[in-house]
N, C-alpha and C. Protein backbone atom coordinates (compact mmCIF):
# COMPACT_ATOMS: atom_id res chain seq x y z
N PRO A 1 -25.30 11.29 -16.82
CA PRO A 1 -26.61 11.81 -17.24
C PRO A 1 -27.32 10.91 -18.26
N GLN A 2 -26.65 9.86 -18.75
CA GLN A 2 -27.27 8.98 -19.73
C GLN A 2 -27.64 7.61 -19.16
N ALA A 3 -27.22 7.33 -17.95
CA ALA A 3 -27.44 6.00 -17.36
C ALA A 3 -28.88 5.83 -16.90
N ASP A 4 -29.46 4.69 -17.23
CA ASP A 4 -30.79 4.35 -16.74
C ASP A 4 -30.74 3.87 -15.30
N ILE A 5 -29.62 3.24 -14.94
CA ILE A 5 -29.43 2.72 -13.59
C ILE A 5 -28.04 3.14 -13.11
N VAL A 6 -27.99 3.72 -11.93
CA VAL A 6 -26.71 4.10 -11.32
C VAL A 6 -26.56 3.26 -10.06
N CYS A 7 -25.49 2.46 -10.02
CA CYS A 7 -25.27 1.56 -8.89
C CYS A 7 -24.02 1.99 -8.14
N ALA A 8 -24.16 2.24 -6.86
CA ALA A 8 -23.03 2.60 -6.00
C ALA A 8 -22.63 1.38 -5.19
N ALA A 9 -21.39 0.97 -5.33
CA ALA A 9 -20.85 -0.16 -4.57
C ALA A 9 -19.51 0.26 -3.98
N LEU A 10 -19.52 1.38 -3.29
CA LEU A 10 -18.29 2.00 -2.80
C LEU A 10 -18.13 1.84 -1.30
N PRO A 11 -16.87 1.84 -0.83
CA PRO A 11 -16.63 1.81 0.61
C PRO A 11 -16.85 3.19 1.20
N GLU A 12 -16.87 3.26 2.51
CA GLU A 12 -16.94 4.56 3.18
C GLU A 12 -15.54 5.10 3.38
N THR A 13 -15.25 6.22 2.74
CA THR A 13 -13.99 6.94 2.92
C THR A 13 -14.33 8.42 2.98
N ASN A 14 -13.34 9.24 3.26
CA ASN A 14 -13.57 10.68 3.26
C ASN A 14 -14.03 11.15 1.88
N GLU A 15 -13.55 10.51 0.83
CA GLU A 15 -13.89 10.91 -0.53
C GLU A 15 -15.29 10.47 -0.95
N THR A 16 -15.81 9.41 -0.35
CA THR A 16 -17.12 8.90 -0.78
C THR A 16 -18.27 9.35 0.11
N ARG A 17 -17.96 9.82 1.32
CA ARG A 17 -19.02 10.23 2.24
C ARG A 17 -19.84 11.36 1.62
N ASP A 18 -21.16 11.21 1.58
CA ASP A 18 -22.10 12.19 1.01
C ASP A 18 -21.89 12.44 -0.48
N LEU A 19 -21.33 11.48 -1.18
CA LEU A 19 -21.07 11.59 -2.62
C LEU A 19 -22.35 11.76 -3.42
N ILE A 20 -23.39 11.04 -3.03
CA ILE A 20 -24.67 11.16 -3.72
C ILE A 20 -25.51 12.18 -2.98
N ASN A 21 -25.49 13.40 -3.51
CA ASN A 21 -26.18 14.53 -2.89
C ASN A 21 -27.04 15.23 -3.95
N SER A 22 -27.68 16.31 -3.58
CA SER A 22 -28.60 16.97 -4.51
C SER A 22 -27.89 17.42 -5.79
N ALA A 23 -26.66 17.90 -5.68
CA ALA A 23 -25.94 18.33 -6.88
C ALA A 23 -25.68 17.17 -7.83
N ARG A 24 -25.27 16.04 -7.29
CA ARG A 24 -24.98 14.88 -8.14
C ARG A 24 -26.29 14.28 -8.68
N LEU A 25 -27.32 14.20 -7.83
CA LEU A 25 -28.61 13.67 -8.27
C LEU A 25 -29.21 14.51 -9.40
N ALA A 26 -28.94 15.80 -9.40
CA ALA A 26 -29.46 16.67 -10.46
C ALA A 26 -28.90 16.28 -11.82
N HIS A 27 -27.75 15.63 -11.84
CA HIS A 27 -27.13 15.19 -13.11
C HIS A 27 -27.63 13.83 -13.57
N PHE A 28 -28.39 13.13 -12.72
CA PHE A 28 -28.94 11.84 -13.13
C PHE A 28 -29.94 12.05 -14.26
N LYS A 29 -30.01 11.09 -15.13
CA LYS A 29 -31.03 11.10 -16.18
C LYS A 29 -32.40 11.08 -15.52
N PRO A 30 -33.33 11.91 -15.98
CA PRO A 30 -34.69 11.85 -15.40
C PRO A 30 -35.25 10.43 -15.49
N GLY A 31 -35.76 9.96 -14.37
CA GLY A 31 -36.33 8.62 -14.32
C GLY A 31 -35.32 7.53 -14.00
N ALA A 32 -34.04 7.88 -13.85
CA ALA A 32 -33.02 6.88 -13.56
C ALA A 32 -33.30 6.21 -12.22
N ILE A 33 -32.83 4.98 -12.10
CA ILE A 33 -32.95 4.21 -10.87
C ILE A 33 -31.60 4.27 -10.16
N PHE A 34 -31.64 4.51 -8.85
CA PHE A 34 -30.42 4.54 -8.06
C PHE A 34 -30.37 3.31 -7.16
N VAL A 35 -29.23 2.61 -7.17
CA VAL A 35 -29.03 1.41 -6.36
C VAL A 35 -27.80 1.65 -5.48
N ASN A 36 -27.92 1.39 -4.18
CA ASN A 36 -26.77 1.50 -3.29
C ASN A 36 -26.57 0.17 -2.58
N VAL A 37 -25.45 -0.50 -2.91
CA VAL A 37 -25.05 -1.72 -2.23
C VAL A 37 -23.70 -1.52 -1.54
N GLY A 38 -23.27 -0.26 -1.45
CA GLY A 38 -21.99 0.06 -0.82
C GLY A 38 -22.17 0.37 0.64
N ARG A 39 -22.10 1.64 0.97
CA ARG A 39 -22.27 2.10 2.34
C ARG A 39 -23.34 3.18 2.39
N GLY A 40 -24.09 3.20 3.48
CA GLY A 40 -25.16 4.18 3.62
C GLY A 40 -24.67 5.61 3.68
N SER A 41 -23.43 5.80 4.13
CA SER A 41 -22.86 7.14 4.25
C SER A 41 -22.62 7.80 2.90
N LEU A 42 -22.73 7.06 1.81
CA LEU A 42 -22.53 7.63 0.47
C LEU A 42 -23.64 8.60 0.10
N VAL A 43 -24.80 8.43 0.70
CA VAL A 43 -26.01 9.12 0.26
C VAL A 43 -26.50 10.14 1.29
N VAL A 44 -26.78 11.33 0.82
CA VAL A 44 -27.50 12.31 1.65
C VAL A 44 -28.97 11.95 1.46
N GLU A 45 -29.51 11.23 2.42
CA GLU A 45 -30.83 10.62 2.25
C GLU A 45 -31.94 11.64 2.05
N THR A 46 -31.85 12.79 2.69
CA THR A 46 -32.88 13.81 2.48
C THR A 46 -32.87 14.29 1.03
N ASP A 47 -31.69 14.38 0.43
CA ASP A 47 -31.58 14.79 -0.98
C ASP A 47 -32.17 13.71 -1.89
N LEU A 48 -31.89 12.45 -1.58
CA LEU A 48 -32.44 11.35 -2.38
C LEU A 48 -33.96 11.33 -2.28
N ILE A 49 -34.49 11.49 -1.09
CA ILE A 49 -35.94 11.50 -0.91
C ILE A 49 -36.57 12.64 -1.70
N ALA A 50 -35.94 13.81 -1.67
CA ALA A 50 -36.45 14.96 -2.43
C ALA A 50 -36.46 14.66 -3.93
N ALA A 51 -35.41 14.01 -4.43
CA ALA A 51 -35.35 13.66 -5.85
C ALA A 51 -36.42 12.63 -6.22
N LEU A 52 -36.71 11.71 -5.30
CA LEU A 52 -37.77 10.72 -5.52
C LEU A 52 -39.14 11.39 -5.49
N GLU A 53 -39.34 12.26 -4.51
CA GLU A 53 -40.64 12.92 -4.38
C GLU A 53 -40.93 13.85 -5.55
N SER A 54 -39.89 14.48 -6.10
CA SER A 54 -40.09 15.38 -7.24
C SER A 54 -40.32 14.60 -8.53
N GLY A 55 -39.97 13.32 -8.53
CA GLY A 55 -40.11 12.50 -9.72
C GLY A 55 -38.87 12.50 -10.60
N HIS A 56 -37.85 13.27 -10.22
CA HIS A 56 -36.62 13.29 -11.04
C HIS A 56 -35.97 11.91 -11.06
N ILE A 57 -35.92 11.25 -9.91
CA ILE A 57 -35.38 9.89 -9.84
C ILE A 57 -36.54 8.92 -9.94
N GLY A 58 -36.37 7.92 -10.79
CA GLY A 58 -37.45 6.97 -11.03
C GLY A 58 -37.64 5.97 -9.91
N GLY A 59 -36.61 5.74 -9.12
CA GLY A 59 -36.72 4.79 -8.02
C GLY A 59 -35.38 4.60 -7.34
N ALA A 60 -35.43 3.95 -6.19
CA ALA A 60 -34.21 3.67 -5.44
C ALA A 60 -34.30 2.27 -4.84
N LEU A 61 -33.19 1.57 -4.91
CA LEU A 61 -33.05 0.27 -4.25
C LEU A 61 -31.87 0.42 -3.29
N LEU A 62 -32.17 0.35 -2.00
CA LEU A 62 -31.14 0.60 -0.99
C LEU A 62 -30.94 -0.64 -0.14
N ASP A 63 -29.77 -1.25 -0.29
CA ASP A 63 -29.42 -2.37 0.57
C ASP A 63 -28.76 -1.88 1.85
N VAL A 64 -28.35 -0.62 1.84
CA VAL A 64 -27.71 0.00 3.00
C VAL A 64 -28.30 1.38 3.22
N THR A 65 -28.32 1.82 4.46
CA THR A 65 -28.78 3.16 4.80
C THR A 65 -27.80 3.74 5.83
N ARG A 66 -27.87 5.03 6.00
CA ARG A 66 -26.94 5.71 6.91
C ARG A 66 -27.07 5.17 8.34
N HIS A 67 -28.28 4.98 8.80
CA HIS A 67 -28.53 4.45 10.14
C HIS A 67 -29.26 3.12 10.00
N GLU A 68 -28.70 2.10 10.63
CA GLU A 68 -29.31 0.78 10.56
C GLU A 68 -29.40 0.20 11.96
N PRO A 69 -30.49 -0.43 12.28
CA PRO A 69 -31.70 -0.50 11.45
C PRO A 69 -32.42 0.85 11.43
N LEU A 70 -33.19 1.05 10.38
CA LEU A 70 -33.97 2.28 10.28
C LEU A 70 -35.03 2.33 11.37
N LEU A 71 -35.20 3.50 11.95
CA LEU A 71 -36.27 3.66 12.93
C LEU A 71 -37.62 3.57 12.22
N ALA A 72 -38.64 3.23 12.96
CA ALA A 72 -39.97 3.04 12.37
C ALA A 72 -40.49 4.31 11.69
N ASP A 73 -40.07 5.48 12.16
CA ASP A 73 -40.57 6.73 11.57
C ASP A 73 -39.61 7.35 10.56
N ASP A 74 -38.57 6.62 10.15
CA ASP A 74 -37.62 7.16 9.17
C ASP A 74 -38.34 7.44 7.85
N PRO A 75 -38.11 8.61 7.25
CA PRO A 75 -38.79 8.97 6.01
C PRO A 75 -38.49 8.04 4.83
N LEU A 76 -37.40 7.29 4.89
CA LEU A 76 -37.11 6.36 3.78
C LEU A 76 -38.20 5.30 3.64
N TRP A 77 -38.83 4.92 4.75
CA TRP A 77 -39.91 3.93 4.68
C TRP A 77 -41.06 4.43 3.80
N ARG A 78 -41.25 5.75 3.74
CA ARG A 78 -42.36 6.33 2.98
C ARG A 78 -41.93 6.91 1.64
N ALA A 79 -40.66 6.82 1.31
CA ALA A 79 -40.16 7.39 0.06
C ALA A 79 -40.78 6.65 -1.12
N PRO A 80 -41.27 7.39 -2.12
CA PRO A 80 -41.92 6.73 -3.25
C PRO A 80 -40.92 5.92 -4.08
N ARG A 81 -41.42 4.82 -4.64
CA ARG A 81 -40.65 3.97 -5.55
C ARG A 81 -39.30 3.55 -4.98
N THR A 82 -39.32 3.17 -3.69
CA THR A 82 -38.10 2.79 -2.99
C THR A 82 -38.24 1.38 -2.43
N ILE A 83 -37.21 0.60 -2.63
CA ILE A 83 -37.14 -0.76 -2.06
C ILE A 83 -35.98 -0.77 -1.09
N LEU A 84 -36.25 -1.21 0.14
CA LEU A 84 -35.22 -1.32 1.17
C LEU A 84 -34.99 -2.79 1.46
N THR A 85 -33.76 -3.26 1.24
CA THR A 85 -33.46 -4.67 1.50
C THR A 85 -32.60 -4.85 2.74
N GLN A 86 -32.07 -3.76 3.29
CA GLN A 86 -31.35 -3.75 4.56
C GLN A 86 -30.31 -4.86 4.71
N HIS A 87 -29.29 -4.75 3.92
CA HIS A 87 -28.11 -5.62 3.97
C HIS A 87 -28.38 -7.08 3.59
N THR A 88 -29.41 -7.31 2.82
CA THR A 88 -29.63 -8.68 2.37
C THR A 88 -29.50 -8.81 0.87
N CYS A 89 -29.69 -7.73 0.15
CA CYS A 89 -29.61 -7.74 -1.32
C CYS A 89 -30.42 -8.88 -1.91
N GLY A 90 -31.51 -9.19 -1.30
CA GLY A 90 -32.36 -10.24 -1.84
C GLY A 90 -32.07 -11.60 -1.24
N GLY A 91 -30.87 -11.77 -0.71
CA GLY A 91 -30.53 -13.01 -0.03
C GLY A 91 -30.25 -14.17 -0.96
N SER A 92 -29.86 -15.26 -0.39
CA SER A 92 -29.53 -16.48 -1.12
C SER A 92 -29.64 -17.64 -0.16
N ASN A 93 -30.07 -18.76 -0.67
CA ASN A 93 -30.13 -19.96 0.16
C ASN A 93 -28.73 -20.46 0.52
N ARG A 94 -27.73 -20.02 -0.26
CA ARG A 94 -26.37 -20.51 -0.05
C ARG A 94 -25.48 -19.52 0.68
N VAL A 95 -25.99 -18.42 1.15
CA VAL A 95 -25.11 -17.38 1.71
C VAL A 95 -24.23 -17.91 2.83
N ASN A 96 -24.78 -18.66 3.76
CA ASN A 96 -23.95 -19.19 4.85
C ASN A 96 -22.93 -20.20 4.35
N ASP A 97 -23.32 -21.04 3.40
CA ASP A 97 -22.36 -21.99 2.81
C ASP A 97 -21.24 -21.27 2.10
N ASP A 98 -21.58 -20.20 1.37
CA ASP A 98 -20.56 -19.42 0.65
C ASP A 98 -19.58 -18.78 1.63
N ILE A 99 -20.09 -18.24 2.73
CA ILE A 99 -19.22 -17.61 3.74
C ILE A 99 -18.27 -18.65 4.32
N LEU A 100 -18.79 -19.82 4.67
CA LEU A 100 -17.94 -20.87 5.24
C LEU A 100 -16.92 -21.38 4.22
N ASP A 101 -17.34 -21.51 2.97
CA ASP A 101 -16.41 -21.94 1.92
C ASP A 101 -15.26 -20.95 1.77
N PHE A 102 -15.60 -19.66 1.74
CA PHE A 102 -14.57 -18.63 1.60
C PHE A 102 -13.62 -18.64 2.79
N PHE A 103 -14.18 -18.75 4.00
CA PHE A 103 -13.34 -18.82 5.19
C PHE A 103 -12.40 -20.01 5.10
N GLY A 104 -12.93 -21.16 4.70
CA GLY A 104 -12.10 -22.36 4.57
C GLY A 104 -10.97 -22.20 3.58
N GLN A 105 -11.27 -21.53 2.46
CA GLN A 105 -10.23 -21.29 1.45
C GLN A 105 -9.14 -20.36 2.00
N ASN A 106 -9.55 -19.31 2.72
CA ASN A 106 -8.56 -18.40 3.28
C ASN A 106 -7.76 -19.08 4.40
N LEU A 107 -8.41 -19.93 5.18
CA LEU A 107 -7.69 -20.67 6.23
C LEU A 107 -6.63 -21.56 5.60
N ALA A 108 -6.97 -22.24 4.52
CA ALA A 108 -6.00 -23.10 3.83
C ALA A 108 -4.84 -22.25 3.29
N ARG A 109 -5.13 -21.06 2.74
CA ARG A 109 -4.08 -20.17 2.25
C ARG A 109 -3.18 -19.74 3.41
N TYR A 110 -3.77 -19.40 4.54
CA TYR A 110 -3.01 -18.97 5.72
C TYR A 110 -2.06 -20.09 6.17
N ARG A 111 -2.61 -21.29 6.28
CA ARG A 111 -1.80 -22.44 6.73
C ARG A 111 -0.68 -22.76 5.75
N ALA A 112 -0.88 -22.46 4.47
CA ALA A 112 0.13 -22.72 3.45
C ALA A 112 1.11 -21.56 3.30
N GLY A 113 0.92 -20.50 4.11
CA GLY A 113 1.81 -19.35 4.03
C GLY A 113 1.56 -18.46 2.81
N GLN A 114 0.38 -18.59 2.22
CA GLN A 114 0.03 -17.79 1.05
C GLN A 114 -0.71 -16.52 1.48
N SER A 115 -0.74 -15.55 0.58
CA SER A 115 -1.48 -14.32 0.88
C SER A 115 -2.98 -14.61 0.90
N LEU A 116 -3.67 -13.88 1.76
CA LEU A 116 -5.11 -14.06 1.92
C LEU A 116 -5.88 -13.25 0.87
N GLU A 117 -7.06 -13.69 0.56
CA GLU A 117 -7.96 -12.99 -0.35
C GLU A 117 -8.78 -11.96 0.42
N ASN A 118 -9.07 -10.83 -0.20
CA ASN A 118 -9.96 -9.79 0.33
C ASN A 118 -9.51 -9.24 1.68
N VAL A 119 -8.24 -8.93 1.80
CA VAL A 119 -7.71 -8.37 3.03
C VAL A 119 -8.06 -6.89 3.11
N VAL A 120 -8.52 -6.46 4.26
CA VAL A 120 -8.87 -5.06 4.47
C VAL A 120 -7.60 -4.23 4.63
N ASP A 121 -7.52 -3.12 3.89
CA ASP A 121 -6.42 -2.17 4.02
C ASP A 121 -6.94 -1.02 4.85
N TRP A 122 -6.69 -1.04 6.18
CA TRP A 122 -7.26 -0.07 7.08
C TRP A 122 -6.85 1.36 6.74
N SER A 123 -5.67 1.55 6.14
CA SER A 123 -5.23 2.90 5.79
C SER A 123 -6.09 3.49 4.67
N ARG A 124 -6.67 2.62 3.82
CA ARG A 124 -7.54 3.08 2.75
C ARG A 124 -9.01 3.13 3.18
N GLY A 125 -9.33 2.44 4.26
CA GLY A 125 -10.70 2.45 4.76
C GLY A 125 -11.55 1.32 4.23
N TYR A 126 -10.96 0.37 3.52
CA TYR A 126 -11.71 -0.78 3.00
C TYR A 126 -10.78 -1.91 2.66
C-alpha cells in the first residue's frame, strides 16, 4: 500500500494466475503505477481496467497480456494511462546479439560438461 510502482515479473504457476485482481488492486497506493513484465495470466485485466478507469491506479505498463496479440477491439487498447509494449519492453539494438551471446556461452558450458544457465524447471512451471 506504500509503493509508488508495483512491478510484477513472475512466471505463470497455479499460485500466480490471477494474482493481480480487484482485491489486490484495492490495496495499491492511490495513483500507483502497475508494471507487468512477467506473464499476462497474472492479471485479471477487467479488474485492472476498472482500477484505471476509477482513477485508483495511476497507470499501467504492460509488456505482456493474457491474450497475445491483442485483438483490435480489446478494451486494454482504450484503458486510460496504459502503455502496451507487447513483449518488447522497449527493445534494444543489441537484443539479437545478446541472445546469440547467451546461447554461445551455454553451448560452451554444455560442451565442457558444465551445468547450463537459466534451465527451465518444468515441475515448477518456470
